[in-house]
N, C-alpha and C. Protein backbone atom coordinates (compact mmCIF):
# COMPACT_ATOMS: atom_id res chain seq x y z
N MET A 1 -9.03 -107.53 -34.63
CA MET A 1 -8.02 -107.39 -33.62
C MET A 1 -8.62 -106.79 -32.35
N ALA A 2 -9.58 -107.43 -31.81
CA ALA A 2 -10.23 -106.95 -30.60
C ALA A 2 -9.24 -106.96 -29.42
N GLY A 3 -9.33 -105.98 -28.57
CA GLY A 3 -8.50 -105.89 -27.38
C GLY A 3 -7.15 -105.22 -27.59
N ILE A 4 -6.81 -104.81 -28.78
CA ILE A 4 -5.54 -104.14 -29.03
C ILE A 4 -5.81 -102.65 -29.18
N VAL A 5 -5.04 -101.85 -28.46
CA VAL A 5 -5.16 -100.40 -28.55
C VAL A 5 -3.98 -99.90 -29.37
N ARG A 6 -4.26 -99.20 -30.42
CA ARG A 6 -3.20 -98.65 -31.26
C ARG A 6 -2.59 -97.44 -30.55
N ALA A 7 -1.27 -97.37 -30.55
CA ALA A 7 -0.57 -96.28 -29.86
C ALA A 7 -0.92 -94.93 -30.45
N ASP A 8 -1.22 -94.85 -31.72
CA ASP A 8 -1.51 -93.56 -32.32
C ASP A 8 -2.92 -93.06 -32.00
N THR A 9 -3.74 -93.88 -31.36
CA THR A 9 -5.09 -93.45 -31.00
C THR A 9 -5.27 -93.28 -29.50
N PHE A 10 -4.29 -93.66 -28.70
CA PHE A 10 -4.38 -93.55 -27.26
C PHE A 10 -4.10 -92.11 -26.85
N ARG A 11 -5.06 -91.48 -26.21
CA ARG A 11 -4.89 -90.09 -25.78
C ARG A 11 -5.31 -89.94 -24.33
N MET A 12 -4.54 -89.12 -23.62
CA MET A 12 -4.83 -88.88 -22.22
C MET A 12 -4.33 -87.49 -21.87
N ASN A 13 -5.09 -86.76 -21.09
CA ASN A 13 -4.61 -85.46 -20.67
C ASN A 13 -4.57 -85.30 -19.16
N THR A 14 -5.18 -86.23 -18.42
CA THR A 14 -5.19 -86.13 -16.97
C THR A 14 -4.94 -87.50 -16.36
N ILE A 15 -4.08 -87.54 -15.35
CA ILE A 15 -3.84 -88.75 -14.59
C ILE A 15 -4.27 -88.47 -13.16
N LYS A 16 -5.13 -89.32 -12.64
CA LYS A 16 -5.64 -89.16 -11.27
C LYS A 16 -4.82 -90.02 -10.32
N SER A 17 -4.79 -89.65 -9.06
CA SER A 17 -4.14 -90.42 -8.02
C SER A 17 -4.85 -91.78 -7.90
N GLN A 18 -4.10 -92.82 -7.54
CA GLN A 18 -4.64 -94.17 -7.49
C GLN A 18 -5.77 -94.31 -6.48
N ASP A 19 -5.65 -93.69 -5.32
CA ASP A 19 -6.61 -93.90 -4.25
C ASP A 19 -7.62 -92.77 -4.06
N SER A 20 -7.61 -91.79 -4.96
CA SER A 20 -8.57 -90.69 -4.83
C SER A 20 -8.83 -90.08 -6.20
N ASP A 21 -9.65 -89.08 -6.20
CA ASP A 21 -9.97 -88.40 -7.46
C ASP A 21 -9.12 -87.15 -7.66
N VAL A 22 -7.99 -87.06 -6.94
CA VAL A 22 -7.10 -85.91 -7.03
C VAL A 22 -6.30 -85.99 -8.33
N THR A 23 -6.22 -84.87 -9.06
CA THR A 23 -5.42 -84.83 -10.28
C THR A 23 -3.94 -84.85 -9.91
N ALA A 24 -3.23 -85.89 -10.38
CA ALA A 24 -1.81 -86.02 -10.10
C ALA A 24 -0.97 -85.34 -11.17
N MET A 25 -1.44 -85.39 -12.43
CA MET A 25 -0.67 -84.83 -13.53
C MET A 25 -1.62 -84.53 -14.69
N THR A 26 -1.33 -83.45 -15.39
CA THR A 26 -2.08 -83.06 -16.57
C THR A 26 -1.09 -82.74 -17.68
N ILE A 27 -1.43 -83.15 -18.89
CA ILE A 27 -0.63 -82.77 -20.06
C ILE A 27 -1.51 -81.86 -20.89
N ASP A 28 -1.08 -80.60 -21.08
CA ASP A 28 -1.92 -79.66 -21.80
C ASP A 28 -1.78 -79.85 -23.32
N ALA A 29 -2.52 -79.07 -24.08
CA ALA A 29 -2.55 -79.21 -25.54
C ALA A 29 -1.19 -78.96 -26.19
N SER A 30 -0.30 -78.24 -25.51
CA SER A 30 1.04 -77.98 -26.05
C SER A 30 2.06 -79.04 -25.62
N GLY A 31 1.61 -80.03 -24.83
CA GLY A 31 2.51 -81.09 -24.38
C GLY A 31 3.22 -80.80 -23.08
N ARG A 32 2.88 -79.70 -22.42
CA ARG A 32 3.51 -79.37 -21.14
C ARG A 32 2.92 -80.25 -20.04
N VAL A 33 3.80 -80.76 -19.18
CA VAL A 33 3.38 -81.61 -18.07
C VAL A 33 3.20 -80.73 -16.84
N LEU A 34 2.01 -80.77 -16.27
CA LEU A 34 1.68 -79.97 -15.09
C LEU A 34 1.44 -80.92 -13.92
N LYS A 35 2.12 -80.66 -12.79
CA LYS A 35 1.95 -81.48 -11.60
C LYS A 35 1.54 -80.55 -10.45
N PRO A 36 0.24 -80.35 -10.25
CA PRO A 36 -0.22 -79.35 -9.29
C PRO A 36 0.14 -79.65 -7.84
N ASN A 37 0.42 -80.88 -7.51
CA ASN A 37 0.75 -81.24 -6.12
C ASN A 37 2.22 -81.57 -5.94
N GLN A 38 3.07 -81.09 -6.85
CA GLN A 38 4.51 -81.32 -6.77
C GLN A 38 5.05 -80.76 -5.46
N ILE A 39 5.80 -81.55 -4.72
CA ILE A 39 6.36 -81.13 -3.44
C ILE A 39 7.26 -79.92 -3.69
N HIS A 40 6.96 -78.81 -3.02
CA HIS A 40 7.83 -77.64 -3.09
C HIS A 40 7.48 -76.64 -1.99
N PHE A 41 8.45 -75.79 -1.69
CA PHE A 41 8.21 -74.73 -0.71
C PHE A 41 8.96 -73.48 -1.13
N HIS A 42 8.45 -72.36 -0.69
CA HIS A 42 9.12 -71.06 -0.84
C HIS A 42 8.81 -70.30 0.43
N VAL A 43 9.86 -69.95 1.19
CA VAL A 43 9.67 -69.32 2.50
C VAL A 43 10.55 -68.08 2.63
N ARG A 44 10.19 -67.25 3.59
CA ARG A 44 10.94 -66.03 3.89
C ARG A 44 10.83 -65.78 5.39
N PRO A 45 11.71 -64.94 5.94
CA PRO A 45 11.62 -64.66 7.37
C PRO A 45 10.35 -63.87 7.72
N THR A 46 9.84 -64.11 8.90
CA THR A 46 8.74 -63.32 9.43
C THR A 46 9.27 -62.01 9.97
N THR A 47 10.44 -62.08 10.61
CA THR A 47 11.17 -60.90 11.09
C THR A 47 12.64 -61.14 10.76
N SER A 48 13.46 -60.10 10.88
CA SER A 48 14.89 -60.28 10.67
C SER A 48 15.42 -61.28 11.70
N ILE A 49 16.43 -62.07 11.30
CA ILE A 49 16.94 -63.15 12.14
C ILE A 49 18.36 -62.81 12.57
N SER A 50 18.59 -62.68 13.87
CA SER A 50 19.90 -62.36 14.39
C SER A 50 20.72 -63.64 14.53
N LEU A 51 21.90 -63.64 13.91
CA LEU A 51 22.83 -64.77 14.01
C LEU A 51 24.00 -64.28 14.86
N THR A 52 24.08 -64.75 16.10
CA THR A 52 24.97 -64.13 17.08
C THR A 52 26.08 -65.00 17.60
N GLU A 53 26.21 -66.24 17.15
CA GLU A 53 27.12 -67.16 17.82
C GLU A 53 28.59 -66.98 17.50
N GLY A 54 28.98 -66.25 16.46
CA GLY A 54 30.39 -66.01 16.16
C GLY A 54 31.19 -67.29 15.99
N ASN A 55 31.68 -67.52 14.79
CA ASN A 55 32.46 -68.69 14.39
C ASN A 55 31.67 -69.99 14.44
N ASP A 56 30.40 -69.95 14.67
CA ASP A 56 29.53 -71.11 14.57
C ASP A 56 28.44 -70.77 13.55
N HIS A 57 27.66 -71.73 13.26
CA HIS A 57 26.56 -71.50 12.34
C HIS A 57 25.24 -71.84 13.03
N GLN A 58 24.21 -71.18 12.57
CA GLN A 58 22.89 -71.36 13.14
C GLN A 58 21.91 -71.68 12.03
N THR A 59 20.92 -72.50 12.37
CA THR A 59 19.86 -72.77 11.43
C THR A 59 19.05 -71.50 11.22
N ILE A 60 18.84 -71.14 9.97
CA ILE A 60 18.04 -69.96 9.64
C ILE A 60 16.60 -70.42 9.47
N ILE A 61 15.76 -70.01 10.38
CA ILE A 61 14.35 -70.45 10.37
C ILE A 61 13.51 -69.38 9.68
N MET A 62 12.99 -69.75 8.53
CA MET A 62 12.10 -68.87 7.79
C MET A 62 10.68 -69.14 8.27
N GLY A 63 10.08 -68.17 8.91
CA GLY A 63 8.79 -68.37 9.57
C GLY A 63 7.56 -68.14 8.73
N THR A 64 7.71 -67.62 7.52
CA THR A 64 6.55 -67.36 6.67
C THR A 64 6.63 -68.21 5.41
N ALA A 65 5.66 -69.08 5.23
CA ALA A 65 5.60 -69.92 4.03
C ALA A 65 4.75 -69.21 2.98
N VAL A 66 5.38 -68.83 1.89
CA VAL A 66 4.64 -68.27 0.75
C VAL A 66 3.90 -69.42 0.07
N ARG A 67 4.61 -70.56 -0.10
CA ARG A 67 4.03 -71.81 -0.59
C ARG A 67 4.68 -72.95 0.19
N ASN A 68 3.90 -73.99 0.46
CA ASN A 68 4.44 -75.16 1.14
C ASN A 68 3.61 -76.38 0.73
N ILE A 69 3.70 -76.74 -0.55
CA ILE A 69 2.92 -77.85 -1.08
C ILE A 69 3.53 -79.15 -0.56
N GLY A 70 2.75 -79.91 0.15
CA GLY A 70 3.23 -81.14 0.79
C GLY A 70 3.55 -80.93 2.26
N ASN A 71 3.57 -79.69 2.72
CA ASN A 71 3.84 -79.33 4.12
C ASN A 71 5.10 -80.01 4.66
N ALA A 72 6.15 -80.06 3.85
CA ALA A 72 7.40 -80.72 4.25
C ALA A 72 8.37 -79.76 4.93
N TYR A 73 8.17 -78.43 4.77
CA TYR A 73 9.02 -77.45 5.42
C TYR A 73 8.34 -76.99 6.70
N SER A 74 9.08 -77.02 7.82
CA SER A 74 8.53 -76.55 9.09
C SER A 74 8.93 -75.10 9.33
N THR A 75 7.95 -74.21 9.43
CA THR A 75 8.24 -72.81 9.73
C THR A 75 8.61 -72.62 11.21
N THR A 76 8.49 -73.67 12.00
CA THR A 76 8.87 -73.63 13.42
C THR A 76 10.34 -74.01 13.61
N THR A 77 10.79 -75.06 12.91
CA THR A 77 12.16 -75.55 13.11
C THR A 77 13.11 -75.14 11.98
N GLY A 78 12.58 -74.76 10.82
CA GLY A 78 13.41 -74.43 9.67
C GLY A 78 13.92 -75.65 8.94
N ILE A 79 13.37 -76.81 9.25
CA ILE A 79 13.84 -78.06 8.64
C ILE A 79 12.84 -78.54 7.59
N PHE A 80 13.38 -78.90 6.41
CA PHE A 80 12.60 -79.57 5.37
C PHE A 80 12.81 -81.07 5.56
N THR A 81 11.74 -81.82 5.70
CA THR A 81 11.81 -83.27 5.82
C THR A 81 11.28 -83.87 4.53
N ALA A 82 12.16 -84.54 3.80
CA ALA A 82 11.78 -85.10 2.50
C ALA A 82 10.68 -86.14 2.69
N PRO A 83 9.50 -85.92 2.11
CA PRO A 83 8.41 -86.88 2.30
C PRO A 83 8.62 -88.16 1.49
N ILE A 84 9.36 -88.06 0.39
CA ILE A 84 9.66 -89.23 -0.44
C ILE A 84 11.11 -89.13 -0.93
N ALA A 85 11.69 -90.26 -1.27
CA ALA A 85 13.04 -90.27 -1.82
C ALA A 85 13.02 -89.65 -3.21
N GLY A 86 14.07 -88.91 -3.53
CA GLY A 86 14.17 -88.32 -4.86
C GLY A 86 15.24 -87.26 -4.92
N VAL A 87 15.35 -86.64 -6.09
CA VAL A 87 16.31 -85.56 -6.30
C VAL A 87 15.58 -84.24 -6.07
N TYR A 88 16.15 -83.40 -5.23
CA TYR A 88 15.54 -82.12 -4.87
C TYR A 88 16.49 -80.98 -5.26
N LEU A 89 15.90 -79.85 -5.58
CA LEU A 89 16.63 -78.62 -5.84
C LEU A 89 16.30 -77.65 -4.71
N PHE A 90 17.33 -77.08 -4.08
CA PHE A 90 17.16 -76.09 -3.03
C PHE A 90 17.91 -74.82 -3.44
N ALA A 91 17.36 -73.67 -3.12
CA ALA A 91 18.01 -72.40 -3.42
C ALA A 91 17.74 -71.41 -2.29
N ALA A 92 18.81 -70.76 -1.85
CA ALA A 92 18.70 -69.76 -0.80
C ALA A 92 19.34 -68.46 -1.28
N ASN A 93 18.73 -67.36 -0.92
CA ASN A 93 19.26 -66.04 -1.21
C ASN A 93 19.16 -65.25 0.09
N ILE A 94 20.27 -65.12 0.80
CA ILE A 94 20.25 -64.52 2.14
C ILE A 94 20.94 -63.17 2.12
N ARG A 95 20.22 -62.15 2.56
CA ARG A 95 20.81 -60.82 2.73
C ARG A 95 21.24 -60.69 4.18
N TYR A 96 22.55 -60.52 4.38
CA TYR A 96 23.11 -60.33 5.71
C TYR A 96 23.35 -58.85 5.94
N ASP A 97 22.85 -58.32 7.03
CA ASP A 97 23.11 -56.94 7.45
C ASP A 97 24.13 -56.95 8.58
N SER A 98 24.89 -55.86 8.72
CA SER A 98 25.88 -55.65 9.78
C SER A 98 27.02 -56.65 9.73
N ALA A 99 27.42 -57.04 8.53
CA ALA A 99 28.55 -57.97 8.39
C ALA A 99 29.85 -57.23 8.68
N ALA A 100 30.71 -57.83 9.48
CA ALA A 100 32.00 -57.20 9.80
C ALA A 100 32.92 -57.28 8.58
N SER A 101 33.68 -56.23 8.33
CA SER A 101 34.52 -56.19 7.14
C SER A 101 35.76 -57.06 7.26
N GLY A 102 36.15 -57.49 8.45
CA GLY A 102 37.36 -58.27 8.61
C GLY A 102 37.16 -59.76 8.58
N GLY A 103 35.95 -60.23 8.57
CA GLY A 103 35.71 -61.67 8.62
C GLY A 103 35.01 -62.18 7.37
N TYR A 104 34.34 -63.27 7.51
CA TYR A 104 33.56 -63.79 6.40
C TYR A 104 32.17 -64.20 6.88
N ILE A 105 31.26 -64.29 5.93
CA ILE A 105 29.92 -64.78 6.19
C ILE A 105 29.68 -65.96 5.27
N ARG A 106 28.83 -66.88 5.69
CA ARG A 106 28.62 -68.10 4.93
C ARG A 106 27.17 -68.54 5.01
N THR A 107 26.72 -69.17 3.93
CA THR A 107 25.41 -69.79 3.87
C THR A 107 25.61 -71.24 3.45
N MET A 108 24.92 -72.17 4.12
CA MET A 108 25.05 -73.59 3.81
C MET A 108 23.68 -74.24 3.72
N ILE A 109 23.52 -75.15 2.75
CA ILE A 109 22.35 -76.02 2.66
C ILE A 109 22.86 -77.42 2.97
N ILE A 110 22.32 -78.04 4.01
CA ILE A 110 22.87 -79.28 4.55
C ILE A 110 21.81 -80.37 4.57
N ASN A 111 22.19 -81.57 4.10
CA ASN A 111 21.37 -82.76 4.26
C ASN A 111 21.95 -83.53 5.43
N ALA A 112 21.22 -83.56 6.53
CA ALA A 112 21.70 -84.22 7.75
C ALA A 112 21.22 -85.66 7.84
N GLY A 113 20.67 -86.20 6.75
CA GLY A 113 20.05 -87.52 6.86
C GLY A 113 18.88 -87.41 7.82
N THR A 114 18.79 -88.30 8.76
CA THR A 114 17.71 -88.21 9.74
C THR A 114 18.18 -87.58 11.05
N GLY A 115 19.40 -87.02 11.06
CA GLY A 115 19.96 -86.41 12.26
C GLY A 115 19.51 -84.97 12.48
N ALA A 116 20.02 -84.39 13.54
CA ALA A 116 19.70 -83.02 13.91
C ALA A 116 20.70 -82.06 13.27
N PRO A 117 20.33 -80.80 13.12
CA PRO A 117 21.27 -79.80 12.59
C PRO A 117 22.53 -79.70 13.44
N ASP A 118 23.66 -79.54 12.77
CA ASP A 118 24.96 -79.41 13.42
C ASP A 118 25.25 -77.94 13.68
N THR A 119 25.74 -77.62 14.87
CA THR A 119 26.07 -76.22 15.20
C THR A 119 27.51 -76.07 15.65
N THR A 120 28.36 -77.02 15.32
CA THR A 120 29.78 -76.91 15.67
C THR A 120 30.45 -75.88 14.77
N PRO A 121 31.70 -75.47 15.10
CA PRO A 121 32.37 -74.50 14.23
C PRO A 121 32.42 -74.96 12.79
N TRP A 122 32.59 -74.01 11.89
CA TRP A 122 32.51 -74.24 10.45
C TRP A 122 33.39 -75.38 9.97
N ASN A 123 32.79 -76.23 9.21
CA ASN A 123 33.48 -77.30 8.51
C ASN A 123 32.75 -77.51 7.19
N ASP A 124 33.36 -78.25 6.28
CA ASP A 124 32.64 -78.68 5.09
C ASP A 124 32.24 -80.13 5.35
N TYR A 125 30.98 -80.40 5.12
CA TYR A 125 30.43 -81.71 5.44
C TYR A 125 30.00 -82.41 4.17
N ASN A 126 29.82 -83.73 4.26
CA ASN A 126 29.21 -84.45 3.16
C ASN A 126 27.79 -83.93 2.97
N ASP A 127 27.33 -83.90 1.74
CA ASP A 127 25.98 -83.43 1.42
C ASP A 127 25.75 -81.99 1.86
N THR A 128 26.80 -81.17 1.86
CA THR A 128 26.68 -79.76 2.20
C THR A 128 27.01 -78.91 0.98
N PHE A 129 26.20 -77.92 0.74
CA PHE A 129 26.45 -76.94 -0.31
C PHE A 129 26.66 -75.62 0.39
N SER A 130 27.73 -74.90 0.04
CA SER A 130 28.13 -73.75 0.81
C SER A 130 28.49 -72.58 -0.10
N ALA A 131 28.18 -71.38 0.33
CA ALA A 131 28.62 -70.15 -0.34
C ALA A 131 29.22 -69.26 0.73
N ILE A 132 30.32 -68.58 0.39
CA ILE A 132 31.04 -67.78 1.38
C ILE A 132 31.48 -66.46 0.75
N ASN A 133 31.50 -65.41 1.57
CA ASN A 133 32.02 -64.12 1.14
C ASN A 133 33.04 -63.70 2.19
N GLY A 134 34.28 -63.43 1.77
CA GLY A 134 35.38 -63.18 2.69
C GLY A 134 35.62 -61.72 3.00
N SER A 135 36.78 -61.45 3.55
CA SER A 135 37.18 -60.11 3.98
C SER A 135 37.04 -59.10 2.86
N GLY A 136 36.81 -57.87 3.24
CA GLY A 136 36.72 -56.79 2.27
C GLY A 136 35.32 -56.52 1.77
N HIS A 137 34.34 -57.26 2.27
CA HIS A 137 32.98 -57.00 1.81
C HIS A 137 32.38 -55.81 2.56
N SER A 138 31.23 -55.38 2.11
CA SER A 138 30.53 -54.25 2.71
C SER A 138 30.23 -54.53 4.18
N THR A 139 30.32 -53.53 5.02
CA THR A 139 29.92 -53.70 6.42
C THR A 139 28.45 -53.35 6.61
N ASN A 140 27.80 -52.91 5.55
CA ASN A 140 26.39 -52.58 5.62
C ASN A 140 25.55 -53.83 5.35
N TYR A 141 25.61 -54.35 4.12
CA TYR A 141 24.90 -55.59 3.84
C TYR A 141 25.55 -56.32 2.68
N GLU A 142 25.34 -57.60 2.67
CA GLU A 142 25.84 -58.51 1.63
C GLU A 142 24.74 -59.52 1.35
N THR A 143 24.69 -59.98 0.12
CA THR A 143 23.75 -61.04 -0.23
C THR A 143 24.54 -62.24 -0.72
N ILE A 144 24.22 -63.41 -0.18
CA ILE A 144 24.86 -64.65 -0.59
C ILE A 144 23.78 -65.60 -1.09
N SER A 145 24.01 -66.14 -2.28
CA SER A 145 23.11 -67.14 -2.86
C SER A 145 23.78 -68.49 -2.81
N CYS A 146 23.00 -69.52 -2.53
CA CYS A 146 23.51 -70.89 -2.48
C CYS A 146 22.45 -71.79 -3.10
N THR A 147 22.87 -72.66 -4.03
CA THR A 147 21.95 -73.57 -4.71
C THR A 147 22.47 -74.99 -4.56
N ALA A 148 21.56 -75.94 -4.38
CA ALA A 148 21.96 -77.33 -4.21
C ALA A 148 20.98 -78.24 -4.94
N ILE A 149 21.52 -79.22 -5.65
CA ILE A 149 20.72 -80.33 -6.17
C ILE A 149 21.24 -81.55 -5.45
N MET A 150 20.37 -82.22 -4.70
CA MET A 150 20.84 -83.35 -3.90
C MET A 150 19.79 -84.45 -3.84
N TYR A 151 20.28 -85.67 -3.71
CA TYR A 151 19.39 -86.81 -3.51
C TYR A 151 19.05 -86.87 -2.03
N CYS A 152 17.78 -87.06 -1.73
CA CYS A 152 17.34 -87.23 -0.35
C CYS A 152 16.58 -88.54 -0.24
N ASN A 153 16.85 -89.28 0.81
CA ASN A 153 16.03 -90.43 1.16
C ASN A 153 14.77 -89.91 1.83
N ALA A 154 13.73 -90.71 1.86
CA ALA A 154 12.52 -90.33 2.60
C ALA A 154 12.92 -90.06 4.05
N ASN A 155 12.42 -88.98 4.61
CA ASN A 155 12.65 -88.53 5.99
C ASN A 155 14.00 -87.88 6.24
N ASP A 156 14.83 -87.68 5.21
CA ASP A 156 16.05 -86.91 5.38
C ASP A 156 15.70 -85.49 5.79
N LYS A 157 16.53 -84.89 6.62
CA LYS A 157 16.34 -83.52 7.10
C LYS A 157 17.30 -82.60 6.36
N VAL A 158 16.77 -81.58 5.71
CA VAL A 158 17.59 -80.60 4.99
C VAL A 158 17.31 -79.25 5.63
N TYR A 159 18.36 -78.52 5.94
CA TYR A 159 18.17 -77.23 6.58
C TYR A 159 19.18 -76.22 6.07
N LEU A 160 18.84 -74.97 6.26
CA LEU A 160 19.63 -73.83 5.82
C LEU A 160 20.34 -73.27 7.04
N GLN A 161 21.65 -73.05 6.92
CA GLN A 161 22.37 -72.44 8.03
C GLN A 161 23.18 -71.25 7.53
N GLY A 162 23.46 -70.35 8.43
CA GLY A 162 24.26 -69.18 8.09
C GLY A 162 24.98 -68.69 9.31
N GLY A 163 25.92 -67.79 9.07
CA GLY A 163 26.66 -67.21 10.18
C GLY A 163 27.91 -66.52 9.71
N HIS A 164 28.80 -66.28 10.65
CA HIS A 164 29.99 -65.47 10.42
C HIS A 164 31.10 -65.99 11.32
N ASN A 165 32.31 -65.50 11.10
CA ASN A 165 33.42 -65.97 11.92
C ASN A 165 33.91 -64.91 12.91
N ASN A 166 33.10 -63.90 13.19
CA ASN A 166 33.45 -62.86 14.16
C ASN A 166 32.55 -62.97 15.37
N ASP A 167 32.88 -62.22 16.40
CA ASP A 167 32.04 -62.22 17.59
C ASP A 167 30.84 -61.30 17.48
N SER A 168 30.83 -60.47 16.44
CA SER A 168 29.70 -59.56 16.28
C SER A 168 28.54 -60.27 15.58
N ALA A 169 27.36 -59.79 15.80
CA ALA A 169 26.16 -60.40 15.22
C ALA A 169 25.94 -59.92 13.79
N VAL A 170 25.39 -60.78 12.97
CA VAL A 170 24.88 -60.40 11.66
C VAL A 170 23.39 -60.72 11.67
N THR A 171 22.68 -60.13 10.74
CA THR A 171 21.25 -60.33 10.67
C THR A 171 20.85 -60.80 9.29
N ALA A 172 20.05 -61.88 9.24
CA ALA A 172 19.44 -62.30 7.98
C ALA A 172 18.20 -61.43 7.80
N HIS A 173 18.21 -60.59 6.78
CA HIS A 173 17.20 -59.58 6.53
C HIS A 173 15.90 -60.20 6.00
N LEU A 174 14.82 -59.43 6.13
CA LEU A 174 13.50 -59.85 5.63
C LEU A 174 13.48 -60.13 4.13
N GLU A 175 14.44 -59.58 3.38
CA GLU A 175 14.48 -59.82 1.93
C GLU A 175 15.03 -61.20 1.59
N SER A 176 15.46 -61.96 2.57
CA SER A 176 16.01 -63.30 2.34
C SER A 176 14.91 -64.27 1.94
N THR A 177 15.28 -65.29 1.13
CA THR A 177 14.32 -66.31 0.72
C THR A 177 15.01 -67.67 0.67
N TYR A 178 14.20 -68.73 0.73
CA TYR A 178 14.68 -70.10 0.65
C TYR A 178 13.59 -70.92 -0.01
N SER A 179 13.98 -71.79 -0.96
CA SER A 179 13.02 -72.58 -1.70
C SER A 179 13.54 -73.98 -1.93
N GLY A 180 12.63 -74.90 -2.18
CA GLY A 180 13.00 -76.26 -2.52
C GLY A 180 11.90 -76.91 -3.33
N VAL A 181 12.28 -77.88 -4.19
CA VAL A 181 11.31 -78.58 -5.02
C VAL A 181 11.83 -79.97 -5.36
N LEU A 182 10.95 -80.95 -5.38
CA LEU A 182 11.27 -82.29 -5.86
C LEU A 182 11.35 -82.22 -7.37
N ILE A 183 12.49 -82.62 -7.96
CA ILE A 183 12.61 -82.53 -9.42
C ILE A 183 12.64 -83.89 -10.11
N ALA A 184 12.94 -84.95 -9.40
CA ALA A 184 12.93 -86.29 -10.02
C ALA A 184 12.85 -87.35 -8.96
């Protein structure tokens, strides 16, 4: 039976990229799949970010990339541009300082397609994931977490926005973080 490979004898632990010698995937001895170049980012603010527009939302630009595999997150614009189509997981944990006790604060993860970030007054949009904390919260600081699993087409723009519904400013503290990863 020349030319037939039996399935029980076929073994592989590393898959290389088609056009280079870069390891695309490894399966270790325990069967765990490792993808060292999996698109993902984890960012945090370089300095505290003042959100001052009152009743509008602003893109929260995290200027320090802890990790940015694939370089799809811009620390200049705060926009993640999906390099390939797929399902992505995004998670934000924003600490707001100086939140007014009479209003609310909100965090949103938005897929704008290939468009620009929206800064109109608060609405719920298609492909938007939102977390909100209403009246009666601490006037010192609050933390809001928001998680999103969304399908993105190649070149879709995903960004993090936050803000409040009062005229006073809130600040996204240095302890804030934002992450994203291609999961399928």
